[in-house]
Amino acid sequence: MASKNILVKVNSLTRIFDVSKPWLNRILEREKKQFLRAVDDVSFSIIEGESFALVGESGSGKSTVAKMVVGLLDPTKGSIIIDNIDISDKNKKEELRKLRAEIQMIFQDPFASLNPRWRVDKIIAEPLKSFKLEKSEKQISARVDELLSLVGLDASDGRKFPHEFSGGQRQRICIARALASKPKFIVCDEPTSALDVSVQAQILNLMRDLQDEFGLTFLFISHDLSVVRHMANHVGVMYLGRIVEIANPKVLFENPQHPYTRMLLDAIPDLEMSNKERKPIEGEIPNPIDPPSGCTFHPRCPYADEECKIKIPAPINIKGIMVACHGVARGRIPAKQ
């Protein structure tokens, strides 16, 4: 049996934003510079042909990770290795140019991510022309028709404008555009959150089918654990810029270790009607400009002690689950009922 290749490896990724007031305002108001640590020492790997999901509340740093992975933001520290190429290595211009065609992104809002002045066929053809993947206009047109068919639309839809489509259809167009360059790796930044619930399942099923057909690798960003349950091979739970737990979905749902993961799971509606009590998420993510000391989750954690307030927990491995929690490491947290 052939060993599985790691396509994406993220090492100690950190992103700090300078959110200070202008220089003169700081002088007059006698204020220091302010920095926001949006992503803090994040590491994970994605095996080729599989899906890795990052989940967490809004403001946890998921989308910032996504933008760094596709090269829209430069990391403050850390590295991103895709297909054995460090994307921050500016000396490998030819390798990076080729890699650029192999990485695509599907954005959260299908209404804002399509040029309203362009017809759909021009939108989908743009990557084909940019990366010079087809030689003639006839070949480009045939490829656009093929891509529209792949995502469940008709070839005649290419002559329409984005405003003539529903939200779900627009996201299908975004998926067709992402597939145009024959990518290996696609970053999906909450691709269904702006859609009706009835349409979300259709888009997720389409993405699974395309993954199976073309061997795609996904980084899936979501704030909803129930959405990624059947999409991801591994799930990373983020809180205030850090990953607090990584596990496969089955283990994560049946035996969550970190108190924050348990909080997120307890808030999911009981669709199976098992009489399980639903608990709304308590509290809010703290101000990332002035985060709590130690474990940043301790103000909301029912199991926090003095160690949690002082020391940042190091990740440990428990039966294949990566978890960063002092309570779990010390055995203070009871098993999930």
C-alpha atoms as a PDB file:
ATOM      1  CA  MET A   1       0.000   0.000   0.000  1.00  0.00           C
ATOM      2  CA  ALA A   2       1.441   3.356  -1.094  1.00  0.00           C
ATOM      3  CA  SER A   3       2.134   5.903   1.617  1.00  0.00           C
ATOM      4  CA  LYS A   4       0.057   9.062   1.599  1.00  0.00           C
ATOM      5  CA  ASN A   5       1.813  12.287   0.635  1.00  0.00           C
ATOM      6  CA  ILE A   6       1.450  15.476   2.652  1.00  0.00           C
ATOM      7  CA  LEU A   7       0.527  18.184   0.141  1.00  0.00           C
ATOM      8  CA  VAL A   8       0.236  21.127   2.578  1.00  0.00           C
ATOM      9  CA  LYS A   9       2.330  21.638   5.711  1.00  0.00           C
ATOM     10  CA  VAL A  10       1.824  24.716   7.902  1.00  0.00           C
ATOM     11  CA  ASN A  11       4.499  25.288  10.556  1.00  0.00           C
ATOM     12  CA  SER A  12       4.205  27.702  13.513  1.00  0.00           C
ATOM     13  CA  LEU A  13       2.195  30.191  11.464  1.00  0.00           C
ATOM     14  CA  THR A  14       1.788  33.607  13.111  1.00  0.00           C
ATOM     15  CA  ARG A  15       0.269  36.849  11.833  1.00  0.00           C
ATOM     16  CA  ILE A  16       0.426  40.128  13.764  1.00  0.00           C
ATOM     17  CA  PHE A  17      -1.354  43.270  12.544  1.00  0.00           C
ATOM     18  CA  ASP A  18      -0.343  46.795  13.536  1.00  0.00           C
ATOM     19  CA  VAL A  19      -3.674  48.400  14.548  1.00  0.00           C
ATOM     20  CA  SER A  20      -2.154  51.534  16.118  1.00  0.00           C
ATOM     21  CA  LYS A  21      -3.620  54.986  15.695  1.00  0.00           C
ATOM     22  CA  PRO A  22      -1.726  57.386  13.412  1.00  0.00           C
ATOM     23  CA  TRP A  23       1.597  58.680  14.789  1.00  0.00           C
ATOM     24  CA  LEU A  24       0.342  62.171  15.647  1.00  0.00           C
ATOM     25  CA  ASN A  25      -2.735  60.841  17.471  1.00  0.00           C
ATOM     26  CA  ARG A  26      -0.525  58.579  19.581  1.00  0.00           C
ATOM     27  CA  ILE A  27       1.754  61.501  20.501  1.00  0.00           C
ATOM     28  CA  LEU A  28      -1.157  63.782  21.453  1.00  0.00           C
ATOM     29  CA  GLU A  29      -3.072  61.079  23.329  1.00  0.00           C
ATOM     30  CA  ARG A  30       0.116  59.545  24.820  1.00  0.00           C
ATOM     31  CA  GLU A  31      -0.749  56.063  23.638  1.00  0.00           C
ATOM     32  CA  LYS A  32       1.562  53.207  22.704  1.00  0.00           C
ATOM     33  CA  LYS A  33       1.415  51.188  19.510  1.00  0.00           C
ATOM     34  CA  GLN A  34      -1.197  48.445  19.473  1.00  0.00           C
ATOM     35  CA  PHE A  35      -0.812  45.042  17.836  1.00  0.00           C
ATOM     36  CA  LEU A  36      -3.359  42.359  17.092  1.00  0.00           C
ATOM     37  CA  ARG A  37      -2.111  38.763  17.080  1.00  0.00           C
ATOM     38  CA  ALA A  38      -4.700  37.287  14.715  1.00  0.00           C
ATOM     39  CA  VAL A  39      -2.945  33.924  14.286  1.00  0.00           C
ATOM     40  CA  ASP A  40      -0.577  32.533  16.893  1.00  0.00           C
ATOM     41  CA  ASP A  41       1.727  29.523  16.324  1.00  0.00           C
ATOM     42  CA  VAL A  42      -0.651  27.468  14.160  1.00  0.00           C
ATOM     43  CA  SER A  43       0.595  24.157  12.719  1.00  0.00           C
ATOM     44  CA  PHE A  44      -1.201  21.448  10.729  1.00  0.00           C
ATOM     45  CA  SER A  45      -0.773  19.189   7.685  1.00  0.00           C
ATOM     46  CA  ILE A  46      -3.134  18.147   4.899  1.00  0.00           C
ATOM     47  CA  ILE A  47      -2.704  14.820   3.119  1.00  0.00           C
ATOM     48  CA  GLU A  48      -3.114  14.903  -0.659  1.00  0.00           C
ATOM     49  CA  GLY A  49      -6.695  14.169  -1.695  1.00  0.00           C
ATOM     50  CA  GLU A  50      -8.113  14.830   1.785  1.00  0.00           C
ATOM     51  CA  SER A  51      -9.888  17.714   3.522  1.00  0.00           C
ATOM     52  CA  PHE A  52      -8.792  19.599   6.627  1.00  0.00           C
ATOM     53  CA  ALA A  53     -11.332  21.880   8.300  1.00  0.00           C
ATOM     54  CA  LEU A  54     -10.690  24.840  10.584  1.00  0.00           C
ATOM     55  CA  VAL A  55     -13.670  25.719  12.768  1.00  0.00           C
ATOM     56  CA  GLY A  56     -14.369  28.254  15.485  1.00  0.00           C
ATOM     57  CA  GLU A  57     -16.370  31.360  16.293  1.00  0.00           C
ATOM     58  CA  SER A  58     -16.031  34.551  14.269  1.00  0.00           C
ATOM     59  CA  GLY A  59     -12.784  36.306  15.169  1.00  0.00           C
ATOM     60  CA  SER A  60     -10.825  33.138  15.905  1.00  0.00           C
ATOM     61  CA  GLY A  61      -8.389  33.682  12.997  1.00  0.00           C
ATOM     62  CA  LYS A  62      -9.640  31.061  10.524  1.00  0.00           C
ATOM     63  CA  SER A  63      -9.935  33.358   7.496  1.00  0.00           C
ATOM     64  CA  THR A  64      -6.550  34.937   8.234  1.00  0.00           C
ATOM     65  CA  VAL A  65      -4.978  31.464   8.045  1.00  0.00           C
ATOM     66  CA  ALA A  66      -6.799  30.858   4.749  1.00  0.00           C
ATOM     67  CA  LYS A  67      -5.496  34.104   3.231  1.00  0.00           C
ATOM     68  CA  MET A  68      -1.927  33.323   4.279  1.00  0.00           C
ATOM     69  CA  VAL A  69      -2.104  29.801   2.856  1.00  0.00           C
ATOM     70  CA  VAL A  70      -3.116  31.098  -0.602  1.00  0.00           C
ATOM     71  CA  GLY A  71      -0.589  33.950  -0.488  1.00  0.00           C
ATOM     72  CA  LEU A  72      -2.985  36.875  -0.046  1.00  0.00           C
ATOM     73  CA  LEU A  73      -1.280  37.726   3.270  1.00  0.00           C
ATOM     74  CA  ASP A  74       2.346  37.286   4.285  1.00  0.00           C
ATOM     75  CA  PRO A  75       2.932  35.540   7.625  1.00  0.00           C
ATOM     76  CA  THR A  76       4.749  37.420  10.374  1.00  0.00           C
ATOM     77  CA  LYS A  77       6.445  34.151  11.337  1.00  0.00           C
ATOM     78  CA  GLY A  78       6.273  30.523  10.303  1.00  0.00           C
ATOM     79  CA  SER A  79       6.222  28.713   6.974  1.00  0.00           C
ATOM     80  CA  ILE A  80       3.738  27.270   4.477  1.00  0.00           C
ATOM     81  CA  ILE A  81       4.982  24.351   2.368  1.00  0.00           C
ATOM     82  CA  ILE A  82       2.744  23.345  -0.554  1.00  0.00           C
ATOM     83  CA  ASP A  83       3.807  20.503  -2.853  1.00  0.00           C
ATOM     84  CA  ASN A  84       7.318  20.700  -1.293  1.00  0.00           C
ATOM     85  CA  ILE A  85       7.651  24.416  -2.136  1.00  0.00           C
ATOM     86  CA  ASP A  86       7.901  27.138   0.512  1.00  0.00           C
ATOM     87  CA  ILE A  87       5.512  29.789  -0.838  1.00  0.00           C
ATOM     88  CA  SER A  88       7.503  32.564   0.860  1.00  0.00           C
ATOM     89  CA  ASP A  89      10.718  31.632  -0.979  1.00  0.00           C
ATOM     90  CA  LYS A  90      10.971  34.431  -3.563  1.00  0.00           C
ATOM     91  CA  ASN A  91      14.025  32.792  -5.160  1.00  0.00           C
ATOM     92  CA  LYS A  92      11.855  30.044  -6.666  1.00  0.00           C
ATOM     93  CA  LYS A  93       9.942  32.287  -9.066  1.00  0.00           C
ATOM     94  CA  GLU A  94       9.342  29.648 -11.746  1.00  0.00           C
ATOM     95  CA  GLU A  95       8.173  27.014  -9.232  1.00  0.00           C
ATOM     96  CA  LEU A  96       5.930  29.565  -7.517  1.00  0.00           C
ATOM     97  CA  ARG A  97       4.402  30.647 -10.834  1.00  0.00           C
ATOM     98  CA  LYS A  98       3.506  27.047 -11.617  1.00  0.00           C
ATOM     99  CA  LEU A  99       2.246  26.472  -8.074  1.00  0.00           C
ATOM    100  CA  ARG A 100       0.039  29.545  -8.336  1.00  0.00           C
ATOM    101  CA  ALA A 101      -2.151  27.732 -10.900  1.00  0.00           C
ATOM    102  CA  GLU A 102      -2.443  24.736  -8.565  1.00  0.00           C
ATOM    103  CA  ILE A 103      -3.880  26.762  -5.661  1.00  0.00           C
ATOM    104  CA  GLN A 104      -7.346  28.310  -5.826  1.00  0.00           C
ATOM    105  CA  MET A 105      -9.788  29.831  -3.359  1.00  0.00           C
ATOM    106  CA  ILE A 106     -13.572  29.811  -3.084  1.00  0.00           C
ATOM    107  CA  PHE A 107     -14.750  32.843  -1.136  1.00  0.00           C
ATOM    108  CA  GLN A 108     -17.557  33.198   1.382  1.00  0.00           C
ATOM    109  CA  ASP A 109     -19.782  35.608  -0.529  1.00  0.00           C
ATOM    110  CA  PRO A 110     -20.705  34.504  -4.074  1.00  0.00           C
ATOM    111  CA  PHE A 111     -22.379  37.886  -4.607  1.00  0.00           C
ATOM    112  CA  ALA A 112     -19.194  39.894  -3.994  1.00  0.00           C
ATOM    113  CA  SER A 113     -16.600  37.551  -5.516  1.00  0.00           C
ATOM    114  CA  LEU A 114     -17.898  37.738  -9.125  1.00  0.00           C
ATOM    115  CA  ASN A 115     -17.384  40.778 -11.357  1.00  0.00           C
ATOM    116  CA  PRO A 116     -20.931  42.058 -12.064  1.00  0.00           C
ATOM    117  CA  ARG A 117     -19.841  43.628 -15.385  1.00  0.00           C
ATOM    118  CA  TRP A 118     -18.486  40.400 -16.859  1.00  0.00           C
ATOM    119  CA  ARG A 119     -20.477  37.592 -18.411  1.00  0.00           C
ATOM    120  CA  VAL A 120     -20.039  34.214 -16.744  1.00  0.00           C
ATOM    121  CA  ASP A 121     -18.051  32.729 -19.637  1.00  0.00           C
ATOM    122  CA  LYS A 122     -15.485  35.555 -19.343  1.00  0.00           C
ATOM    123  CA  ILE A 123     -15.249  35.060 -15.562  1.00  0.00           C
ATOM    124  CA  ILE A 124     -14.518  31.342 -15.906  1.00  0.00           C
ATOM    125  CA  ALA A 125     -12.180  31.862 -18.879  1.00  0.00           C
ATOM    126  CA  GLU A 126      -9.976  34.342 -17.006  1.00  0.00           C
ATOM    127  CA  PRO A 127      -7.788  31.690 -15.260  1.00  0.00           C
ATOM    128  CA  LEU A 128      -7.439  29.810 -18.562  1.00  0.00           C
ATOM    129  CA  LYS A 129      -6.041  32.936 -20.197  1.00  0.00           C
ATOM    130  CA  SER A 130      -3.951  34.081 -17.222  1.00  0.00           C
ATOM    131  CA  PHE A 131      -2.153  30.744 -16.915  1.00  0.00           C
ATOM    132  CA  LYS A 132      -2.173  30.116 -20.713  1.00  0.00           C
ATOM    133  CA  LEU A 133      -3.823  26.726 -20.304  1.00  0.00           C
ATOM    134  CA  GLU A 134      -5.651  26.742 -23.656  1.00  0.00           C
ATOM    135  CA  LYS A 135      -4.252  27.942 -26.998  1.00  0.00           C
ATOM    136  CA  SER A 136      -7.263  29.173 -28.965  1.00  0.00           C
ATOM    137  CA  GLU A 137     -10.560  30.932 -28.279  1.00  0.00           C
ATOM    138  CA  LYS A 138     -12.372  27.820 -29.504  1.00  0.00           C
ATOM    139  CA  GLN A 139     -10.554  25.644 -26.953  1.00  0.00           C
ATOM    140  CA  ILE A 140     -11.253  28.184 -24.197  1.00  0.00           C
ATOM    141  CA  SER A 141     -14.955  28.253 -25.074  1.00  0.00           C
ATOM    142  CA  ALA A 142     -15.162  24.447 -25.090  1.00  0.00           C
ATOM    143  CA  ARG A 143     -13.407  24.266 -21.696  1.00  0.00           C
ATOM    144  CA  VAL A 144     -15.773  26.872 -20.198  1.00  0.00           C
ATOM    145  CA  ASP A 145     -18.784  24.843 -21.395  1.00  0.00           C
ATOM    146  CA  GLU A 146     -17.244  21.724 -19.848  1.00  0.00           C
ATOM    147  CA  LEU A 147     -16.679  23.471 -16.510  1.00  0.00           C
ATOM    148  CA  LEU A 148     -20.244  24.796 -16.397  1.00  0.00           C
ATOM    149  CA  SER A 149     -21.523  21.278 -17.003  1.00  0.00           C
ATOM    150  CA  LEU A 150     -19.257  19.905 -14.248  1.00  0.00           C
ATOM    151  CA  VAL A 151     -20.880  22.150 -11.629  1.00  0.00           C
ATOM    152  CA  GLY A 152     -24.449  21.439 -12.752  1.00  0.00           C
ATOM    153  CA  LEU A 153     -25.085  24.474 -14.973  1.00  0.00           C
ATOM    154  CA  ASP A 154     -25.880  24.700 -18.690  1.00  0.00           C
ATOM    155  CA  ALA A 155     -23.423  25.883 -21.343  1.00  0.00           C
ATOM    156  CA  SER A 156     -25.920  28.636 -22.293  1.00  0.00           C
ATOM    157  CA  ASP A 157     -25.512  30.097 -18.776  1.00  0.00           C
ATOM    158  CA  GLY A 158     -22.106  31.379 -19.845  1.00  0.00           C
ATOM    159  CA  ARG A 159     -23.769  34.197 -21.787  1.00  0.00           C
ATOM    160  CA  LYS A 160     -25.535  35.521 -18.685  1.00  0.00           C
ATOM    161  CA  PHE A 161     -24.378  37.999 -16.021  1.00  0.00           C
ATOM    162  CA  PRO A 162     -23.939  37.061 -12.316  1.00  0.00           C
ATOM    163  CA  HIS A 163     -27.019  39.018 -11.222  1.00  0.00           C
ATOM    164  CA  GLU A 164     -29.209  36.625 -13.220  1.00  0.00           C
ATOM    165  CA  PHE A 165     -28.372  33.719 -10.892  1.00  0.00           C
ATOM    166  CA  SER A 166     -29.365  32.669  -7.378  1.00  0.00           C
ATOM    167  CA  GLY A 167     -26.828  32.474  -4.549  1.00  0.00           C
ATOM    168  CA  GLY A 168     -26.322  28.735  -4.962  1.00  0.00           C
ATOM    169  CA  GLN A 169     -25.859  29.081  -8.720  1.00  0.00           C
ATOM    170  CA  ARG A 170     -23.316  31.868  -8.204  1.00  0.00           C
ATOM    171  CA  GLN A 171     -21.325  29.665  -5.870  1.00  0.00           C
ATOM    172  CA  ARG A 172     -21.356  26.963  -8.563  1.00  0.00           C
ATOM    173  CA  ILE A 173     -19.872  29.555 -10.946  1.00  0.00           C
ATOM    174  CA  CYS A 174     -17.181  30.334  -8.348  1.00  0.00           C
ATOM    175  CA  ILE A 175     -16.395  26.614  -8.106  1.00  0.00           C
ATOM    176  CA  ALA A 176     -16.180  26.372 -11.929  1.00  0.00           C
ATOM    177  CA  ARG A 177     -13.752  29.313 -11.965  1.00  0.00           C
ATOM    178  CA  ALA A 178     -11.640  27.647  -9.259  1.00  0.00           C
ATOM    179  CA  LEU A 179     -11.516  24.397 -11.256  1.00  0.00           C
ATOM    180  CA  ALA A 180     -10.488  26.153 -14.492  1.00  0.00           C
ATOM    181  CA  SER A 181      -6.746  26.058 -13.721  1.00  0.00           C
ATOM    182  CA  LYS A 182      -6.871  22.333 -12.788  1.00  0.00           C
ATOM    183  CA  PRO A 183      -5.797  22.971  -9.184  1.00  0.00           C
ATOM    184  CA  LYS A 184      -4.495  20.415  -6.695  1.00  0.00           C
ATOM    185  CA  PHE A 185      -5.427  22.447  -3.625  1.00  0.00           C
ATOM    186  CA  ILE A 186      -8.529  24.590  -2.990  1.00  0.00           C
ATOM    187  CA  VAL A 187      -9.101  26.783   0.067  1.00  0.00           C
ATOM    188  CA  CYS A 188     -12.817  27.119   0.828  1.00  0.00           C
ATOM    189  CA  ASP A 189     -13.530  30.109   3.097  1.00  0.00           C
ATOM    190  CA  GLU A 190     -17.029  29.435   4.490  1.00  0.00           C
ATOM    191  CA  PRO A 191     -18.361  28.618   0.991  1.00  0.00           C
ATOM    192  CA  THR A 192     -21.918  27.886   2.169  1.00  0.00           C
ATOM    193  CA  SER A 193     -22.472  30.357   5.027  1.00  0.00           C
ATOM    194  CA  ALA A 194     -24.139  32.963   2.772  1.00  0.00           C
ATOM    195  CA  LEU A 195     -26.518  30.396   1.246  1.00  0.00           C
ATOM    196  CA  ASP A 196     -29.931  29.072   2.258  1.00  0.00           C
ATOM    197  CA  VAL A 197     -29.810  25.872   4.310  1.00  0.00           C
ATOM    198  CA  SER A 198     -31.582  23.961   1.514  1.00  0.00           C
ATOM    199  CA  VAL A 199     -28.816  24.951  -0.933  1.00  0.00           C
ATOM    200  CA  GLN A 200     -25.876  24.319   1.422  1.00  0.00           C
ATOM    201  CA  ALA A 201     -26.172  20.527   1.184  1.00  0.00           C
ATOM    202  CA  GLN A 202     -26.229  20.692  -2.636  1.00  0.00           C
ATOM    203  CA  ILE A 203     -23.004  22.706  -2.762  1.00  0.00           C
ATOM    204  CA  LEU A 204     -21.259  20.496  -0.182  1.00  0.00           C
ATOM    205  CA  ASN A 205     -22.281  17.343  -2.084  1.00  0.00           C
ATOM    206  CA  LEU A 206     -21.003  18.899  -5.319  1.00  0.00           C
ATOM    207  CA  MET A 207     -17.647  19.662  -3.692  1.00  0.00           C
ATOM    208  CA  ARG A 208     -17.349  16.101  -2.362  1.00  0.00           C
ATOM    209  CA  ASP A 209     -18.131  14.678  -5.807  1.00  0.00           C
ATOM    210  CA  LEU A 210     -15.542  16.936  -7.461  1.00  0.00           C
ATOM    211  CA  GLN A 211     -12.964  15.985  -4.829  1.00  0.00           C
ATOM    212  CA  ASP A 212     -13.508  12.297  -5.543  1.00  0.00           C
ATOM    213  CA  GLU A 213     -13.389  12.842  -9.316  1.00  0.00           C
ATOM    214  CA  PHE A 214     -10.260  15.005  -9.474  1.00  0.00           C
ATOM    215  CA  GLY A 215      -8.402  14.043  -6.280  1.00  0.00           C
ATOM    216  CA  LEU A 216      -8.640  17.569  -4.888  1.00  0.00           C
ATOM    217  CA  THR A 217      -7.212  18.621  -1.533  1.00  0.00           C
ATOM    218  CA  PHE A 218      -9.338  21.044   0.526  1.00  0.00           C
ATOM    219  CA  LEU A 219      -8.718  23.451   3.387  1.00  0.00           C
ATOM    220  CA  PHE A 220     -12.260  24.072   4.589  1.00  0.00           C
ATOM    221  CA  ILE A 221     -13.012  27.107   6.789  1.00  0.00           C
ATOM    222  CA  SER A 222     -16.260  27.164   8.785  1.00  0.00           C
ATOM    223  CA  HIS A 223     -17.797  28.424  12.016  1.00  0.00           C
ATOM    224  CA  ASP A 224     -20.229  25.480  12.019  1.00  0.00           C
ATOM    225  CA  LEU A 225     -19.018  22.064  13.195  1.00  0.00           C
ATOM    226  CA  SER A 226     -22.087  20.314  11.801  1.00  0.00           C
ATOM    227  CA  VAL A 227     -21.223  21.529   8.271  1.00  0.00           C
ATOM    228  CA  VAL A 228     -17.730  20.007   8.280  1.00  0.00           C
ATOM    229  CA  ARG A 229     -18.737  16.739   9.959  1.00  0.00           C
ATOM    230  CA  HIS A 230     -19.143  14.921   6.635  1.00  0.00           C
ATOM    231  CA  MET A 231     -16.684  17.056   4.626  1.00  0.00           C
ATOM    232  CA  ALA A 232     -13.390  16.770   6.499  1.00  0.00           C
ATOM    233  CA  ASN A 233     -10.931  13.983   7.227  1.00  0.00           C
ATOM    234  CA  HIS A 234      -9.524  16.038  10.115  1.00  0.00           C
ATOM    235  CA  VAL A 235     -10.889  19.035  12.006  1.00  0.00           C
ATOM    236  CA  GLY A 236      -8.866  21.729  13.758  1.00  0.00           C
ATOM    237  CA  VAL A 237     -10.710  23.822  16.350  1.00  0.00           C
ATOM    238  CA  MET A 238      -9.431  27.405  16.634  1.00  0.00           C
ATOM    239  CA  TYR A 239      -9.842  29.838  19.501  1.00  0.00           C
ATOM    240  CA  LEU A 240      -8.413  33.351  19.541  1.00  0.00           C
ATOM    241  CA  GLY A 241      -5.731  32.618  16.966  1.00  0.00           C
ATOM    242  CA  ARG A 242      -4.603  29.208  18.257  1.00  0.00           C
ATOM    243  CA  ILE A 243      -5.577  25.635  17.403  1.00  0.00           C
ATOM    244  CA  VAL A 244      -6.822  23.995  20.615  1.00  0.00           C
ATOM    245  CA  GLU A 245      -7.756  20.551  19.242  1.00  0.00           C
ATOM    246  CA  ILE A 246      -7.236  18.436  16.105  1.00  0.00           C
ATOM    247  CA  ALA A 247      -9.012  15.113  15.514  1.00  0.00           C
ATOM    248  CA  ASN A 248     -10.937  13.233  12.875  1.00  0.00           C
ATOM    249  CA  PRO A 249     -14.644  14.210  12.840  1.00  0.00           C
ATOM    250  CA  LYS A 250     -15.981  10.922  14.244  1.00  0.00           C
ATOM    251  CA  VAL A 251     -13.672  11.082  17.269  1.00  0.00           C
ATOM    252  CA  LEU A 252     -14.229  14.815  17.700  1.00  0.00           C
ATOM    253  CA  PHE A 253     -18.019  14.446  17.826  1.00  0.00           C
ATOM    254  CA  GLU A 254     -18.027  11.333  20.010  1.00  0.00           C
ATOM    255  CA  ASN A 255     -15.188  12.182  22.381  1.00  0.00           C
ATOM    256  CA  PRO A 256     -14.252  15.902  22.337  1.00  0.00           C
ATOM    257  CA  GLN A 257     -11.380  16.705  24.693  1.00  0.00           C
ATOM    258  CA  HIS A 258     -11.052  20.494  24.893  1.00  0.00           C
ATOM    259  CA  PRO A 259     -13.727  22.383  26.879  1.00  0.00           C
ATOM    260  CA  TYR A 260     -14.139  24.844  23.979  1.00  0.00           C
ATOM    261  CA  THR A 261     -14.824  22.021  21.519  1.00  0.00           C
ATOM    262  CA  ARG A 262     -17.419  20.643  23.950  1.00  0.00           C
ATOM    263  CA  MET A 263     -19.039  24.071  24.152  1.00  0.00           C
ATOM    264  CA  LEU A 264     -19.314  24.291  20.357  1.00  0.00           C
ATOM    265  CA  LEU A 265     -20.765  20.767  20.097  1.00  0.00           C
ATOM    266  CA  ASP A 266     -23.278  21.345  22.905  1.00  0.00           C
ATOM    267  CA  ALA A 267     -24.670  24.316  20.947  1.00  0.00           C
ATOM    268  CA  ILE A 268     -25.492  22.234  17.830  1.00  0.00           C
ATOM    269  CA  PRO A 269     -29.281  21.650  17.480  1.00  0.00           C
ATOM    270  CA  ASP A 270     -30.353  18.063  18.252  1.00  0.00           C
ATOM    271  CA  LEU A 271     -31.572  17.024  14.794  1.00  0.00           C
ATOM    272  CA  GLU A 272     -31.640  13.336  15.791  1.00  0.00           C
ATOM    273  CA  MET A 273     -34.148  14.125  18.585  1.00  0.00           C
ATOM    274  CA  SER A 274     -32.202  12.181  21.195  1.00  0.00           C
ATOM    275  CA  ASN A 275     -33.432  14.503  23.983  1.00  0.00           C
ATOM    276  CA  LYS A 276     -29.901  15.811  24.379  1.00  0.00           C
ATOM    277  CA  GLU A 277     -29.916  19.164  26.146  1.00  0.00           C
ATOM    278  CA  ARG A 278     -28.737  22.036  23.928  1.00  0.00           C
ATOM    279  CA  LYS A 279     -26.601  24.670  25.644  1.00  0.00           C
ATOM    280  CA  PRO A 280     -26.106  28.060  24.005  1.00  0.00           C
ATOM    281  CA  ILE A 281     -22.484  29.248  23.751  1.00  0.00           C
ATOM    282  CA  GLU A 282     -21.693  31.377  26.795  1.00  0.00           C
ATOM    283  CA  GLY A 283     -19.573  34.518  26.677  1.00  0.00           C
ATOM    284  CA  GLU A 284     -17.685  35.993  23.749  1.00  0.00           C
ATOM    285  CA  ILE A 285     -14.174  35.799  22.329  1.00  0.00           C
ATOM    286  CA  PRO A 286     -12.031  38.353  24.248  1.00  0.00           C
ATOM    287  CA  ASN A 287     -10.482  41.401  22.603  1.00  0.00           C
ATOM    288  CA  PRO A 288      -7.528  40.002  20.579  1.00  0.00           C
ATOM    289  CA  ILE A 289      -5.619  43.279  21.083  1.00  0.00           C
ATOM    290  CA  ASP A 290      -5.588  42.602  24.831  1.00  0.00           C
ATOM    291  CA  PRO A 291      -6.051  38.830  25.205  1.00  0.00           C
ATOM    292  CA  PRO A 292      -6.208  37.018  28.551  1.00  0.00           C
ATOM    293  CA  SER A 293      -2.942  35.687  29.957  1.00  0.00           C
ATOM    294  CA  GLY A 294      -2.068  32.005  29.902  1.00  0.00           C
ATOM    295  CA  CYS A 295      -4.726  29.915  28.206  1.00  0.00           C
ATOM    296  CA  THR A 296      -6.889  32.510  26.441  1.00  0.00           C
ATOM    297  CA  PHE A 297     -10.000  30.346  27.002  1.00  0.00           C
ATOM    298  CA  HIS A 298      -9.703  30.381  30.794  1.00  0.00           C
ATOM    299  CA  PRO A 299     -12.246  33.230  31.432  1.00  0.00           C
ATOM    300  CA  ARG A 300     -14.956  31.059  29.802  1.00  0.00           C
ATOM    301  CA  CYS A 301     -13.749  27.648  30.968  1.00  0.00           C
ATOM    302  CA  PRO A 302     -15.524  25.870  33.867  1.00  0.00           C
ATOM    303  CA  TYR A 303     -12.398  23.795  34.590  1.00  0.00           C
ATOM    304  CA  ALA A 304      -9.807  26.620  34.693  1.00  0.00           C
ATOM    305  CA  ASP A 305      -7.380  26.897  37.611  1.00  0.00           C
ATOM    306  CA  GLU A 306      -4.392  29.108  38.443  1.00  0.00           C
ATOM    307  CA  GLU A 307      -2.091  27.302  36.001  1.00  0.00           C
ATOM    308  CA  CYS A 308      -4.519  28.096  33.164  1.00  0.00           C
ATOM    309  CA  LYS A 309      -4.341  31.807  33.990  1.00  0.00           C
ATOM    310  CA  ILE A 310      -0.544  31.897  33.887  1.00  0.00           C
ATOM    311  CA  LYS A 311       0.805  29.335  31.408  1.00  0.00           C
ATOM    312  CA  ILE A 312      -0.018  28.802  27.726  1.00  0.00           C
ATOM    313  CA  PRO A 313      -0.857  25.083  27.313  1.00  0.00           C
ATOM    314  CA  ALA A 314       1.418  23.062  25.029  1.00  0.00           C
ATOM    315  CA  PRO A 315      -0.256  20.654  22.594  1.00  0.00           C
ATOM    316  CA  ILE A 316      -0.230  16.991  23.630  1.00  0.00           C
ATOM    317  CA  ASN A 317      -1.280  13.821  21.804  1.00  0.00           C
ATOM    318  CA  ILE A 318      -3.959  11.631  23.382  1.00  0.00           C
ATOM    319  CA  LYS A 319      -4.816   8.533  21.324  1.00  0.00           C
ATOM    320  CA  GLY A 320      -4.430  10.412  18.039  1.00  0.00           C
ATOM    321  CA  ILE A 321      -6.108  13.605  19.241  1.00  0.00           C
ATOM    322  CA  MET A 322      -4.001  16.771  19.479  1.00  0.00           C
ATOM    323  CA  VAL A 323      -5.266  18.939  22.328  1.00  0.00           C
ATOM    324  CA  ALA A 324      -3.827  22.010  24.062  1.00  0.00           C
ATOM    325  CA  CYS A 325      -5.363  22.124  27.536  1.00  0.00           C
ATOM    326  CA  HIS A 326      -3.887  21.996  31.047  1.00  0.00           C
ATOM    327  CA  GLY A 327      -7.056  20.371  32.410  1.00  0.00           C
ATOM    328  CA  VAL A 328      -6.885  17.521  29.897  1.00  0.00           C
ATOM    329  CA  ALA A 329      -3.133  17.065  30.451  1.00  0.00           C
ATOM    330  CA  ARG A 330      -3.601  16.876  34.245  1.00  0.00           C
ATOM    331  CA  GLY A 331      -6.705  14.638  34.040  1.00  0.00           C
ATOM    332  CA  ARG A 332      -8.929  17.241  35.721  1.00  0.00           C
ATOM    333  CA  ILE A 333     -11.654  17.221  33.071  1.00  0.00           C
ATOM    334  CA  PRO A 334     -14.252  14.423  33.318  1.00  0.00           C
ATOM    335  CA  ALA A 335     -15.052  12.252  30.296  1.00  0.00           C
ATOM    336  CA  LYS A 336     -17.777  13.511  27.979  1.00  0.00           C
ATOM    337  CA  GLN A 337     -21.161  12.010  28.844  1.00  0.00           C
END
